[in-house]
Amino acid sequence: MGVVVTKKYRGNGVGKQIFGHLESETMRLGGSELYSFINADNLVSKSLHHKLGFDEIAKGSSFLNVKFDGGEGLLFKKMLHELSSWLKS
């Protein structure tokens, strides 16, 4: 599954809502971690991932057969322990 927020809607909370749902559903189903990869040039997404508690774990030109033409991708990981404080508010 991929999540892409159209440029004109980036920075308006759409990604935060999507990740909130993914996090709560992953935990509900017994999962303990989330992975996400982005184009390194998408600074809004990179900032969002850091704010939501994701750790950057790898850089590369492709992940899972997704190639970042003319750029680099970033792979993020988040361990899920309990409902994040940003989801509670």
C-alpha atoms as a PDB file:
ATOM      1  CA  MET A   1       0.000   0.000   0.000  1.00  0.00           C
ATOM      2  CA  GLY A   2       1.195   3.478  -0.733  1.00  0.00           C
ATOM      3  CA  VAL A   3       0.004   6.792   0.634  1.00  0.00           C
ATOM      4  CA  VAL A   4       0.438   9.920  -1.415  1.00  0.00           C
ATOM      5  CA  VAL A   5      -0.938  13.308  -0.434  1.00  0.00           C
ATOM      6  CA  THR A   6      -1.314  15.649  -3.405  1.00  0.00           C
ATOM      7  CA  LYS A   7       1.111  18.579  -3.120  1.00  0.00           C
ATOM      8  CA  LYS A   8      -1.607  21.195  -2.712  1.00  0.00           C
ATOM      9  CA  TYR A   9      -2.932  19.360   0.398  1.00  0.00           C
ATOM     10  CA  ARG A  10       0.434  18.652   2.048  1.00  0.00           C
ATOM     11  CA  GLY A  11       0.959  20.350   5.394  1.00  0.00           C
ATOM     12  CA  ASN A  12      -2.763  20.436   6.221  1.00  0.00           C
ATOM     13  CA  GLY A  13      -3.014  17.425   8.554  1.00  0.00           C
ATOM     14  CA  VAL A  14      -4.104  14.851   5.976  1.00  0.00           C
ATOM     15  CA  GLY A  15      -0.989  12.703   6.424  1.00  0.00           C
ATOM     16  CA  LYS A  16      -1.267  12.910  10.209  1.00  0.00           C
ATOM     17  CA  GLN A  17      -4.847  11.615  10.044  1.00  0.00           C
ATOM     18  CA  ILE A  18      -3.861   8.784   7.708  1.00  0.00           C
ATOM     19  CA  PHE A  19      -0.957   7.710   9.923  1.00  0.00           C
ATOM     20  CA  GLY A  20      -3.157   7.969  13.021  1.00  0.00           C
ATOM     21  CA  HIS A  21      -5.599   5.511  11.497  1.00  0.00           C
ATOM     22  CA  LEU A  22      -2.798   3.198  10.327  1.00  0.00           C
ATOM     23  CA  GLU A  23      -1.200   3.227  13.771  1.00  0.00           C
ATOM     24  CA  SER A  24      -4.398   2.474  15.679  1.00  0.00           C
ATOM     25  CA  GLU A  25      -5.469  -0.251  13.236  1.00  0.00           C
ATOM     26  CA  THR A  26      -2.027  -1.860  13.272  1.00  0.00           C
ATOM     27  CA  MET A  27      -2.114  -2.026  17.060  1.00  0.00           C
ATOM     28  CA  ARG A  28      -5.723  -3.266  17.087  1.00  0.00           C
ATOM     29  CA  LEU A  29      -4.663  -6.132  14.825  1.00  0.00           C
ATOM     30  CA  GLY A  30      -1.708  -6.988  17.072  1.00  0.00           C
ATOM     31  CA  GLY A  31       1.055  -5.299  15.077  1.00  0.00           C
ATOM     32  CA  SER A  32       3.993  -3.687  16.815  1.00  0.00           C
ATOM     33  CA  GLU A  33       5.730  -1.634  14.118  1.00  0.00           C
ATOM     34  CA  LEU A  34       5.114   0.501  11.050  1.00  0.00           C
ATOM     35  CA  TYR A  35       7.406   1.088   8.087  1.00  0.00           C
ATOM     36  CA  SER A  36       7.152   3.915   5.588  1.00  0.00           C
ATOM     37  CA  PHE A  37       9.272   5.085   2.703  1.00  0.00           C
ATOM     38  CA  ILE A  38       9.266   8.466   1.044  1.00  0.00           C
ATOM     39  CA  ASN A  39      11.097  10.472  -1.575  1.00  0.00           C
ATOM     40  CA  ALA A  40      13.879  12.306   0.275  1.00  0.00           C
ATOM     41  CA  ASP A  41      12.959  15.496  -1.591  1.00  0.00           C
ATOM     42  CA  ASN A  42       9.536  15.587   0.121  1.00  0.00           C
ATOM     43  CA  LEU A  43      10.559  17.698   3.103  1.00  0.00           C
ATOM     44  CA  VAL A  44       6.997  18.022   4.436  1.00  0.00           C
ATOM     45  CA  SER A  45       6.648  14.232   4.643  1.00  0.00           C
ATOM     46  CA  LYS A  46      10.104  13.873   6.169  1.00  0.00           C
ATOM     47  CA  SER A  47       9.208  16.402   8.865  1.00  0.00           C
ATOM     48  CA  LEU A  48       5.867  14.684   9.519  1.00  0.00           C
ATOM     49  CA  HIS A  49       7.525  11.284   9.952  1.00  0.00           C
ATOM     50  CA  HIS A  50       9.939  12.709  12.523  1.00  0.00           C
ATOM     51  CA  LYS A  51       7.118  14.506  14.389  1.00  0.00           C
ATOM     52  CA  LEU A  52       5.111  11.276  14.529  1.00  0.00           C
ATOM     53  CA  GLY A  53       7.982   9.336  16.075  1.00  0.00           C
ATOM     54  CA  PHE A  54       9.385   7.513  13.067  1.00  0.00           C
ATOM     55  CA  ASP A  55      13.120   6.823  12.917  1.00  0.00           C
ATOM     56  CA  GLU A  56      14.976   7.048   9.623  1.00  0.00           C
ATOM     57  CA  ILE A  57      16.639   3.651   9.148  1.00  0.00           C
ATOM     58  CA  ALA A  58      17.889   3.577   5.528  1.00  0.00           C
ATOM     59  CA  LYS A  59      18.516   5.636   2.403  1.00  0.00           C
ATOM     60  CA  GLY A  60      18.534   4.303  -1.128  1.00  0.00           C
ATOM     61  CA  SER A  61      17.443   4.659  -4.712  1.00  0.00           C
ATOM     62  CA  SER A  62      14.714   1.994  -4.316  1.00  0.00           C
ATOM     63  CA  PHE A  63      12.696   0.071  -1.731  1.00  0.00           C
ATOM     64  CA  LEU A  64      10.386  -2.864  -2.479  1.00  0.00           C
ATOM     65  CA  ASN A  65      10.750  -2.307  -6.242  1.00  0.00           C
ATOM     66  CA  VAL A  66       9.799   1.390  -5.983  1.00  0.00           C
ATOM     67  CA  LYS A  67      12.507   3.442  -7.658  1.00  0.00           C
ATOM     68  CA  PHE A  68      13.137   7.086  -6.895  1.00  0.00           C
ATOM     69  CA  ASP A  69      14.126   8.401 -10.324  1.00  0.00           C
ATOM     70  CA  GLY A  70      16.650  11.183 -10.044  1.00  0.00           C
ATOM     71  CA  GLY A  71      16.468  11.136  -6.288  1.00  0.00           C
ATOM     72  CA  GLU A  72      16.815   9.152  -3.137  1.00  0.00           C
ATOM     73  CA  GLY A  73      14.319   7.427  -0.903  1.00  0.00           C
ATOM     74  CA  LEU A  74      14.202   7.281   2.878  1.00  0.00           C
ATOM     75  CA  LEU A  75      12.924   4.294   4.868  1.00  0.00           C
ATOM     76  CA  PHE A  76      11.360   4.990   8.265  1.00  0.00           C
ATOM     77  CA  LYS A  77      10.337   2.671  11.108  1.00  0.00           C
ATOM     78  CA  LYS A  78       8.146   3.268  14.146  1.00  0.00           C
ATOM     79  CA  MET A  79       7.764   0.892  17.064  1.00  0.00           C
ATOM     80  CA  LEU A  80       4.226   0.870  18.458  1.00  0.00           C
ATOM     81  CA  HIS A  81       3.948   0.453  22.210  1.00  0.00           C
ATOM     82  CA  GLU A  82       0.763   2.256  23.108  1.00  0.00           C
ATOM     83  CA  LEU A  83      -1.491   4.838  21.556  1.00  0.00           C
ATOM     84  CA  SER A  84       0.658   7.842  20.721  1.00  0.00           C
ATOM     85  CA  SER A  85       0.003  11.021  22.664  1.00  0.00           C
ATOM     86  CA  TRP A  86      -0.584  12.929  19.409  1.00  0.00           C
ATOM     87  CA  LEU A  87      -3.499  10.549  18.660  1.00  0.00           C
ATOM     88  CA  LYS A  88      -5.111  11.082  22.057  1.00  0.00           C
ATOM     89  CA  SER A  89      -5.582  14.825  21.612  1.00  0.00           C
END
